[in-house]
Amino acid sequence: MLAVETSKLVPVLQTSVSPVVLISGVGLLLLTMTNRLGRIVDRTRSLALRMREVDGEERERVAAQLGILEDRAHMLRRSITSAGFCVLFAALLVISLFITALVGVDIPWLIAAFFILSLVSLVVSLVDFLRDVNRSLEATSLEAGEYWRKK
């Protein structure tokens, strides 16, 4: 009887490899995003201190950088949240694969829904992540000013 149970689980293990690899990859992406968010927080603190010491045109430039940092922090928060949902849906997918195999119930729409939700969450996360990367270049351009070549 145990061999029958094992024979049911082997295909499930094979099927669950892809979602588990997705979870691992998104974990690395989350590490990158949280590091970027940490740098934004550090840079915001440093610019907030600098804001108290400057005035005039320099103050406007620092305020503009702080505005960009705020936008980036919101984008990264959405990106991290979406990546978290991607991992959640991939984990639910693996769990549902095992439960359906153990119980003997076939619910393909549930498995497909978790897979689709996982990938949609990943796409949303990556879009916000790419938006953050582009926005960071705007902040760098403000700081570097005329030293950057315009293309």
N, C-alpha and C. Protein backbone atom coordinates (compact mmCIF):
# COMPACT_ATOMS: atom_id res chain seq x y z
N MET A 1 0.81 -1.20 0.00
CA MET A 1 0.00 0.00 0.00
C MET A 1 0.86 1.26 0.00
N LEU A 2 1.98 1.23 0.71
CA LEU A 2 2.87 2.38 0.75
C LEU A 2 3.45 2.66 -0.64
N ALA A 3 3.74 1.60 -1.41
CA ALA A 3 4.26 1.79 -2.77
C ALA A 3 3.25 2.50 -3.65
N VAL A 4 1.97 2.22 -3.44
CA VAL A 4 0.93 2.89 -4.21
C VAL A 4 0.90 4.37 -3.86
N GLU A 5 1.00 4.67 -2.58
CA GLU A 5 1.01 6.07 -2.14
C GLU A 5 2.22 6.79 -2.72
N THR A 6 3.39 6.15 -2.66
CA THR A 6 4.60 6.75 -3.19
C THR A 6 4.50 6.96 -4.69
N SER A 7 3.93 6.03 -5.38
CA SER A 7 3.80 6.16 -6.83
C SER A 7 2.87 7.32 -7.21
N LYS A 8 1.96 7.68 -6.33
CA LYS A 8 1.10 8.84 -6.59
C LYS A 8 1.86 10.14 -6.35
N LEU A 9 2.81 10.11 -5.43
CA LEU A 9 3.50 11.34 -5.05
C LEU A 9 4.68 11.68 -5.96
N VAL A 10 5.27 10.71 -6.60
CA VAL A 10 6.43 10.97 -7.46
C VAL A 10 6.10 11.96 -8.57
N PRO A 11 5.00 11.80 -9.31
CA PRO A 11 4.68 12.81 -10.33
C PRO A 11 4.41 14.19 -9.71
N VAL A 12 3.85 14.20 -8.52
CA VAL A 12 3.58 15.48 -7.85
C VAL A 12 4.90 16.16 -7.50
N LEU A 13 5.86 15.38 -7.02
CA LEU A 13 7.19 15.94 -6.73
C LEU A 13 7.83 16.51 -8.00
N GLN A 14 7.70 15.79 -9.09
CA GLN A 14 8.26 16.26 -10.36
C GLN A 14 7.57 17.55 -10.81
N THR A 15 6.27 17.61 -10.64
CA THR A 15 5.51 18.79 -11.06
C THR A 15 5.81 19.99 -10.17
N SER A 16 6.10 19.73 -8.90
CA SER A 16 6.30 20.83 -7.96
C SER A 16 7.69 21.45 -8.05
N VAL A 17 8.58 20.88 -8.85
CA VAL A 17 9.94 21.42 -8.96
C VAL A 17 9.92 22.85 -9.52
N SER A 18 9.15 23.09 -10.55
CA SER A 18 9.12 24.44 -11.17
C SER A 18 8.65 25.52 -10.20
N PRO A 19 7.54 25.33 -9.49
CA PRO A 19 7.15 26.36 -8.53
C PRO A 19 8.19 26.57 -7.41
N VAL A 20 8.86 25.50 -7.01
CA VAL A 20 9.88 25.63 -5.96
C VAL A 20 11.08 26.42 -6.48
N VAL A 21 11.46 26.19 -7.72
CA VAL A 21 12.54 26.98 -8.33
C VAL A 21 12.11 28.44 -8.44
N LEU A 22 10.86 28.68 -8.79
CA LEU A 22 10.33 30.04 -8.85
C LEU A 22 10.43 30.71 -7.48
N ILE A 23 10.08 30.00 -6.43
CA ILE A 23 10.17 30.54 -5.07
C ILE A 23 11.61 30.92 -4.76
N SER A 24 12.55 30.06 -5.12
CA SER A 24 13.96 30.33 -4.87
C SER A 24 14.44 31.57 -5.63
N GLY A 25 14.07 31.67 -6.89
CA GLY A 25 14.48 32.82 -7.70
C GLY A 25 13.88 34.12 -7.20
N VAL A 26 12.61 34.08 -6.83
CA VAL A 26 11.96 35.29 -6.33
C VAL A 26 12.56 35.67 -4.97
N GLY A 27 13.00 34.68 -4.20
CA GLY A 27 13.68 34.98 -2.94
C GLY A 27 14.93 35.82 -3.17
N LEU A 28 15.69 35.48 -4.19
CA LEU A 28 16.88 36.28 -4.52
C LEU A 28 16.49 37.68 -5.00
N LEU A 29 15.43 37.75 -5.77
CA LEU A 29 14.93 39.04 -6.22
C LEU A 29 14.49 39.89 -5.02
N LEU A 30 13.82 39.27 -4.06
CA LEU A 30 13.40 39.98 -2.84
C LEU A 30 14.61 40.49 -2.06
N LEU A 31 15.66 39.72 -2.03
CA LEU A 31 16.88 40.15 -1.35
C LEU A 31 17.43 41.42 -2.01
N THR A 32 17.45 41.43 -3.32
CA THR A 32 17.91 42.62 -4.06
C THR A 32 17.02 43.82 -3.77
N MET A 33 15.71 43.60 -3.79
CA MET A 33 14.77 44.70 -3.56
C MET A 33 14.88 45.26 -2.15
N THR A 34 15.01 44.39 -1.16
CA THR A 34 15.11 44.90 0.22
C THR A 34 16.42 45.63 0.43
N ASN A 35 17.49 45.21 -0.25
CA ASN A 35 18.75 45.96 -0.18
C ASN A 35 18.59 47.34 -0.79
N ARG A 36 17.90 47.42 -1.92
CA ARG A 36 17.66 48.73 -2.54
C ARG A 36 16.81 49.61 -1.63
N LEU A 37 15.80 49.01 -1.01
CA LEU A 37 14.95 49.78 -0.10
C LEU A 37 15.76 50.29 1.08
N GLY A 38 16.64 49.47 1.60
CA GLY A 38 17.51 49.91 2.70
C GLY A 38 18.39 51.08 2.30
N ARG A 39 18.89 51.05 1.10
CA ARG A 39 19.72 52.17 0.61
C ARG A 39 18.88 53.44 0.45
N ILE A 40 17.63 53.28 0.01
CA ILE A 40 16.74 54.44 -0.11
C ILE A 40 16.50 55.06 1.26
N VAL A 41 16.25 54.21 2.26
CA VAL A 41 16.02 54.71 3.61
C VAL A 41 17.25 55.45 4.13
N ASP A 42 18.43 54.87 3.93
CA ASP A 42 19.67 55.52 4.37
C ASP A 42 19.88 56.85 3.66
N ARG A 43 19.67 56.86 2.36
CA ARG A 43 19.86 58.09 1.57
C ARG A 43 18.84 59.15 1.99
N THR A 44 17.61 58.74 2.27
CA THR A 44 16.58 59.69 2.70
C THR A 44 16.97 60.33 4.03
N ARG A 45 17.46 59.52 4.96
CA ARG A 45 17.89 60.07 6.25
C ARG A 45 19.02 61.07 6.07
N SER A 46 19.96 60.73 5.23
CA SER A 46 21.10 61.63 4.99
C SER A 46 20.65 62.94 4.33
N LEU A 47 19.75 62.84 3.36
CA LEU A 47 19.27 64.07 2.69
C LEU A 47 18.38 64.90 3.61
N ALA A 48 17.63 64.24 4.49
CA ALA A 48 16.78 64.98 5.44
C ALA A 48 17.65 65.80 6.38
N LEU A 49 18.77 65.25 6.80
CA LEU A 49 19.71 66.01 7.64
C LEU A 49 20.32 67.17 6.85
N ARG A 50 20.65 66.90 5.61
CA ARG A 50 21.25 67.94 4.75
C ARG A 50 20.26 69.07 4.48
N MET A 51 18.98 68.72 4.39
CA MET A 51 17.94 69.71 4.10
C MET A 51 17.93 70.82 5.15
N ARG A 52 18.26 70.48 6.40
CA ARG A 52 18.27 71.48 7.47
C ARG A 52 19.43 72.46 7.34
N GLU A 53 20.46 72.09 6.60
CA GLU A 53 21.67 72.89 6.52
C GLU A 53 21.76 73.76 5.27
N VAL A 54 20.92 73.51 4.27
CA VAL A 54 21.04 74.24 3.00
C VAL A 54 19.81 75.12 2.77
N ASP A 55 19.98 76.05 1.85
CA ASP A 55 18.85 76.89 1.46
C ASP A 55 19.00 77.28 0.00
N GLY A 56 17.99 77.95 -0.50
CA GLY A 56 18.01 78.42 -1.89
C GLY A 56 17.89 77.30 -2.89
N GLU A 57 18.71 77.41 -3.94
CA GLU A 57 18.66 76.45 -5.05
C GLU A 57 19.07 75.04 -4.60
N GLU A 58 20.04 74.99 -3.71
CA GLU A 58 20.48 73.69 -3.19
C GLU A 58 19.34 72.99 -2.44
N ARG A 59 18.56 73.75 -1.70
CA ARG A 59 17.43 73.18 -0.95
C ARG A 59 16.39 72.61 -1.91
N GLU A 60 16.15 73.28 -3.02
CA GLU A 60 15.20 72.78 -4.02
C GLU A 60 15.70 71.48 -4.63
N ARG A 61 17.00 71.40 -4.88
CA ARG A 61 17.57 70.19 -5.46
C ARG A 61 17.45 69.01 -4.48
N VAL A 62 17.73 69.28 -3.20
CA VAL A 62 17.61 68.23 -2.19
C VAL A 62 16.15 67.80 -2.04
N ALA A 63 15.24 68.77 -2.07
CA ALA A 63 13.81 68.45 -1.97
C ALA A 63 13.36 67.60 -3.15
N ALA A 64 13.87 67.91 -4.34
CA ALA A 64 13.53 67.11 -5.52
C ALA A 64 14.04 65.68 -5.38
N GLN A 65 15.25 65.53 -4.85
CA GLN A 65 15.80 64.19 -4.63
C GLN A 65 14.97 63.42 -3.59
N LEU A 66 14.55 64.12 -2.53
CA LEU A 66 13.71 63.48 -1.51
C LEU A 66 12.38 63.02 -2.11
N GLY A 67 11.83 63.83 -3.01
CA GLY A 67 10.58 63.44 -3.68
C GLY A 67 10.76 62.17 -4.52
N ILE A 68 11.88 62.11 -5.22
CA ILE A 68 12.16 60.92 -6.03
C ILE A 68 12.36 59.71 -5.12
N LEU A 69 13.06 59.89 -4.00
CA LEU A 69 13.27 58.79 -3.07
C LEU A 69 11.94 58.29 -2.49
N GLU A 70 11.03 59.21 -2.23
CA GLU A 70 9.71 58.80 -1.74
C GLU A 70 8.97 57.96 -2.78
N ASP A 71 9.01 58.43 -4.04
CA ASP A 71 8.38 57.66 -5.12
C ASP A 71 9.01 56.27 -5.24
N ARG A 72 10.33 56.22 -5.17
CA ARG A 72 11.03 54.94 -5.29
C ARG A 72 10.68 54.01 -4.14
N ALA A 73 10.58 54.55 -2.94
CA ALA A 73 10.25 53.71 -1.78
C ALA A 73 8.86 53.10 -1.96
N HIS A 74 7.92 53.88 -2.47
CA HIS A 74 6.57 53.36 -2.71
C HIS A 74 6.59 52.28 -3.80
N MET A 75 7.36 52.52 -4.88
CA MET A 75 7.46 51.53 -5.95
C MET A 75 8.06 50.23 -5.44
N LEU A 76 9.13 50.35 -4.65
CA LEU A 76 9.77 49.15 -4.13
C LEU A 76 8.87 48.42 -3.13
N ARG A 77 8.12 49.17 -2.35
CA ARG A 77 7.19 48.51 -1.42
C ARG A 77 6.15 47.70 -2.20
N ARG A 78 5.62 48.28 -3.28
CA ARG A 78 4.68 47.54 -4.12
C ARG A 78 5.36 46.34 -4.77
N SER A 79 6.58 46.52 -5.21
CA SER A 79 7.32 45.45 -5.85
C SER A 79 7.59 44.30 -4.88
N ILE A 80 8.01 44.64 -3.66
CA ILE A 80 8.27 43.63 -2.64
C ILE A 80 6.98 42.91 -2.26
N THR A 81 5.90 43.66 -2.13
CA THR A 81 4.61 43.05 -1.80
C THR A 81 4.16 42.10 -2.90
N SER A 82 4.29 42.52 -4.15
CA SER A 82 3.90 41.66 -5.27
C SER A 82 4.77 40.41 -5.34
N ALA A 83 6.07 40.56 -5.09
CA ALA A 83 6.96 39.41 -5.09
C ALA A 83 6.59 38.46 -3.95
N GLY A 84 6.21 39.01 -2.81
CA GLY A 84 5.75 38.18 -1.70
C GLY A 84 4.51 37.40 -2.06
N PHE A 85 3.57 38.05 -2.76
CA PHE A 85 2.37 37.34 -3.22
C PHE A 85 2.73 36.26 -4.23
N CYS A 86 3.72 36.52 -5.07
CA CYS A 86 4.17 35.51 -6.03
C CYS A 86 4.62 34.26 -5.30
N VAL A 87 5.44 34.44 -4.26
CA VAL A 87 5.92 33.30 -3.47
C VAL A 87 4.75 32.61 -2.76
N LEU A 88 3.84 33.41 -2.22
CA LEU A 88 2.67 32.84 -1.54
C LEU A 88 1.85 31.95 -2.47
N PHE A 89 1.56 32.47 -3.67
CA PHE A 89 0.75 31.70 -4.62
C PHE A 89 1.50 30.46 -5.12
N ALA A 90 2.82 30.57 -5.29
CA ALA A 90 3.60 29.39 -5.70
C ALA A 90 3.59 28.34 -4.59
N ALA A 91 3.68 28.77 -3.34
CA ALA A 91 3.62 27.82 -2.22
C ALA A 91 2.24 27.17 -2.14
N LEU A 92 1.20 27.96 -2.32
CA LEU A 92 -0.16 27.40 -2.32
C LEU A 92 -0.35 26.43 -3.48
N LEU A 93 0.31 26.71 -4.60
CA LEU A 93 0.26 25.80 -5.74
C LEU A 93 0.86 24.45 -5.37
N VAL A 94 2.03 24.46 -4.75
CA VAL A 94 2.68 23.21 -4.36
C VAL A 94 1.82 22.46 -3.34
N ILE A 95 1.29 23.18 -2.37
CA ILE A 95 0.43 22.55 -1.36
C ILE A 95 -0.80 21.93 -2.01
N SER A 96 -1.42 22.67 -2.92
CA SER A 96 -2.63 22.14 -3.58
C SER A 96 -2.30 20.93 -4.45
N LEU A 97 -1.11 20.90 -5.06
CA LEU A 97 -0.72 19.72 -5.84
C LEU A 97 -0.66 18.48 -4.95
N PHE A 98 -0.06 18.63 -3.77
CA PHE A 98 0.06 17.49 -2.87
C PHE A 98 -1.30 17.09 -2.29
N ILE A 99 -2.09 18.07 -1.91
CA ILE A 99 -3.40 17.74 -1.33
C ILE A 99 -4.29 17.04 -2.35
N THR A 100 -4.30 17.53 -3.57
CA THR A 100 -5.13 16.88 -4.59
C THR A 100 -4.65 15.47 -4.87
N ALA A 101 -3.33 15.24 -4.81
CA ALA A 101 -2.81 13.88 -5.03
C ALA A 101 -3.15 12.96 -3.86
N LEU A 102 -3.05 13.48 -2.65
CA LEU A 102 -3.32 12.66 -1.48
C LEU A 102 -4.81 12.34 -1.32
N VAL A 103 -5.65 13.32 -1.60
CA VAL A 103 -7.09 13.13 -1.44
C VAL A 103 -7.69 12.43 -2.66
N GLY A 104 -7.02 12.56 -3.79
CA GLY A 104 -7.53 11.93 -5.01
C GLY A 104 -8.53 12.78 -5.75
N VAL A 105 -8.54 14.06 -5.47
CA VAL A 105 -9.47 14.98 -6.12
C VAL A 105 -8.69 15.76 -7.17
N ASP A 106 -9.26 15.92 -8.33
CA ASP A 106 -8.61 16.67 -9.41
C ASP A 106 -9.28 18.03 -9.53
N ILE A 107 -8.55 19.09 -9.20
CA ILE A 107 -9.07 20.46 -9.28
C ILE A 107 -8.11 21.30 -10.15
N PRO A 108 -8.14 21.09 -11.45
CA PRO A 108 -7.18 21.79 -12.31
C PRO A 108 -7.35 23.30 -12.31
N TRP A 109 -8.57 23.80 -12.14
CA TRP A 109 -8.79 25.25 -12.15
C TRP A 109 -8.10 25.91 -10.95
N LEU A 110 -8.04 25.23 -9.80
CA LEU A 110 -7.36 25.78 -8.63
C LEU A 110 -5.86 25.85 -8.85
N ILE A 111 -5.30 24.79 -9.40
CA ILE A 111 -3.87 24.75 -9.68
C ILE A 111 -3.51 25.80 -10.72
N ALA A 112 -4.31 25.91 -11.77
CA ALA A 112 -4.07 26.92 -12.80
C ALA A 112 -4.20 28.32 -12.22
N ALA A 113 -5.17 28.53 -11.36
CA ALA A 113 -5.37 29.85 -10.75
C ALA A 113 -4.16 30.26 -9.92
N PHE A 114 -3.64 29.34 -9.10
CA PHE A 114 -2.47 29.66 -8.29
C PHE A 114 -1.26 29.95 -9.17
N PHE A 115 -1.10 29.19 -10.24
CA PHE A 115 0.04 29.40 -11.14
C PHE A 115 -0.07 30.76 -11.84
N ILE A 116 -1.25 31.07 -12.34
CA ILE A 116 -1.46 32.34 -13.04
C ILE A 116 -1.28 33.52 -12.07
N LEU A 117 -1.86 33.40 -10.88
CA LEU A 117 -1.71 34.47 -9.89
C LEU A 117 -0.25 34.68 -9.50
N SER A 118 0.49 33.61 -9.40
CA SER A 118 1.90 33.70 -9.08
C SER A 118 2.67 34.46 -10.16
N LEU A 119 2.43 34.11 -11.40
CA LEU A 119 3.15 34.77 -12.50
C LEU A 119 2.70 36.22 -12.70
N VAL A 120 1.41 36.49 -12.53
CA VAL A 120 0.94 37.88 -12.63
C VAL A 120 1.57 38.72 -11.53
N SER A 121 1.66 38.18 -10.33
CA SER A 121 2.30 38.90 -9.23
C SER A 121 3.77 39.17 -9.54
N LEU A 122 4.44 38.20 -10.14
CA LEU A 122 5.84 38.38 -10.52
C LEU A 122 5.98 39.49 -11.56
N VAL A 123 5.10 39.50 -12.54
CA VAL A 123 5.15 40.55 -13.58
C VAL A 123 4.95 41.93 -12.96
N VAL A 124 3.96 42.06 -12.09
CA VAL A 124 3.69 43.34 -11.42
C VAL A 124 4.92 43.76 -10.61
N SER A 125 5.52 42.82 -9.92
CA SER A 125 6.71 43.11 -9.12
C SER A 125 7.86 43.60 -10.01
N LEU A 126 8.08 42.92 -11.11
CA LEU A 126 9.18 43.30 -12.00
C LEU A 126 8.95 44.65 -12.66
N VAL A 127 7.71 44.96 -12.99
CA VAL A 127 7.42 46.27 -13.59
C VAL A 127 7.76 47.39 -12.62
N ASP A 128 7.32 47.24 -11.36
CA ASP A 128 7.66 48.27 -10.37
C ASP A 128 9.16 48.32 -10.09
N PHE A 129 9.81 47.16 -10.11
CA PHE A 129 11.25 47.13 -9.89
C PHE A 129 11.98 47.89 -11.01
N LEU A 130 11.57 47.66 -12.25
CA LEU A 130 12.19 48.37 -13.38
C LEU A 130 11.90 49.87 -13.32
N ARG A 131 10.71 50.23 -12.88
CA ARG A 131 10.38 51.64 -12.72
C ARG A 131 11.29 52.28 -11.66
N ASP A 132 11.56 51.54 -10.59
CA ASP A 132 12.46 52.04 -9.56
C ASP A 132 13.87 52.26 -10.11
N VAL A 133 14.35 51.32 -10.90
CA VAL A 133 15.69 51.46 -11.47
C VAL A 133 15.77 52.73 -12.33
N ASN A 134 14.76 52.95 -13.16
CA ASN A 134 14.75 54.15 -14.00
C ASN A 134 14.66 55.42 -13.16
N ARG A 135 13.85 55.39 -12.13
CA ARG A 135 13.69 56.57 -11.25
C ARG A 135 14.99 56.87 -10.51
N SER A 136 15.74 55.83 -10.15
CA SER A 136 17.00 56.06 -9.45
C SER A 136 17.99 56.81 -10.34
N LEU A 137 17.92 56.58 -11.64
CA LEU A 137 18.80 57.31 -12.55
C LEU A 137 18.43 58.78 -12.62
N GLU A 138 17.14 59.09 -12.46
CA GLU A 138 16.72 60.48 -12.42
C GLU A 138 17.32 61.19 -11.20
N ALA A 139 17.30 60.53 -10.06
CA ALA A 139 17.87 61.12 -8.84
C ALA A 139 19.36 61.31 -9.00
N THR A 140 20.03 60.35 -9.61
CA THR A 140 21.47 60.48 -9.83
C THR A 140 21.76 61.62 -10.78
N SER A 141 20.94 61.79 -11.78
CA SER A 141 21.11 62.90 -12.72
C SER A 141 20.94 64.24 -12.01
N LEU A 142 19.99 64.33 -11.10
CA LEU A 142 19.81 65.57 -10.34
C LEU A 142 21.05 65.88 -9.51
N GLU A 143 21.63 64.86 -8.92
CA GLU A 143 22.79 65.07 -8.06
C GLU A 143 24.03 65.39 -8.88
N ALA A 144 24.21 64.68 -9.98
CA ALA A 144 25.40 64.88 -10.79
C ALA A 144 25.31 66.14 -11.64
N GLY A 145 24.07 66.53 -11.95
CA GLY A 145 23.85 67.77 -12.70
C GLY A 145 24.56 67.80 -14.02
N GLU A 146 25.33 68.85 -14.21
CA GLU A 146 25.98 69.08 -15.50
C GLU A 146 27.12 68.12 -15.77
N TYR A 147 27.52 67.32 -14.79
CA TYR A 147 28.61 66.38 -14.99
C TYR A 147 28.19 65.16 -15.79
N TRP A 148 26.89 64.93 -15.86
CA TRP A 148 26.38 63.82 -16.65
C TRP A 148 26.21 64.25 -18.08
N ARG A 149 26.62 63.40 -19.00
CA ARG A 149 26.37 63.67 -20.41
C ARG A 149 24.92 63.37 -20.71
N LYS A 150 24.25 64.26 -21.38
CA LYS A 150 22.84 64.05 -21.74
C LYS A 150 22.78 63.25 -23.04
N LYS A 151 21.96 62.20 -23.04
CA LYS A 151 21.80 61.38 -24.26
C LYS A 151 20.36 61.32 -24.63
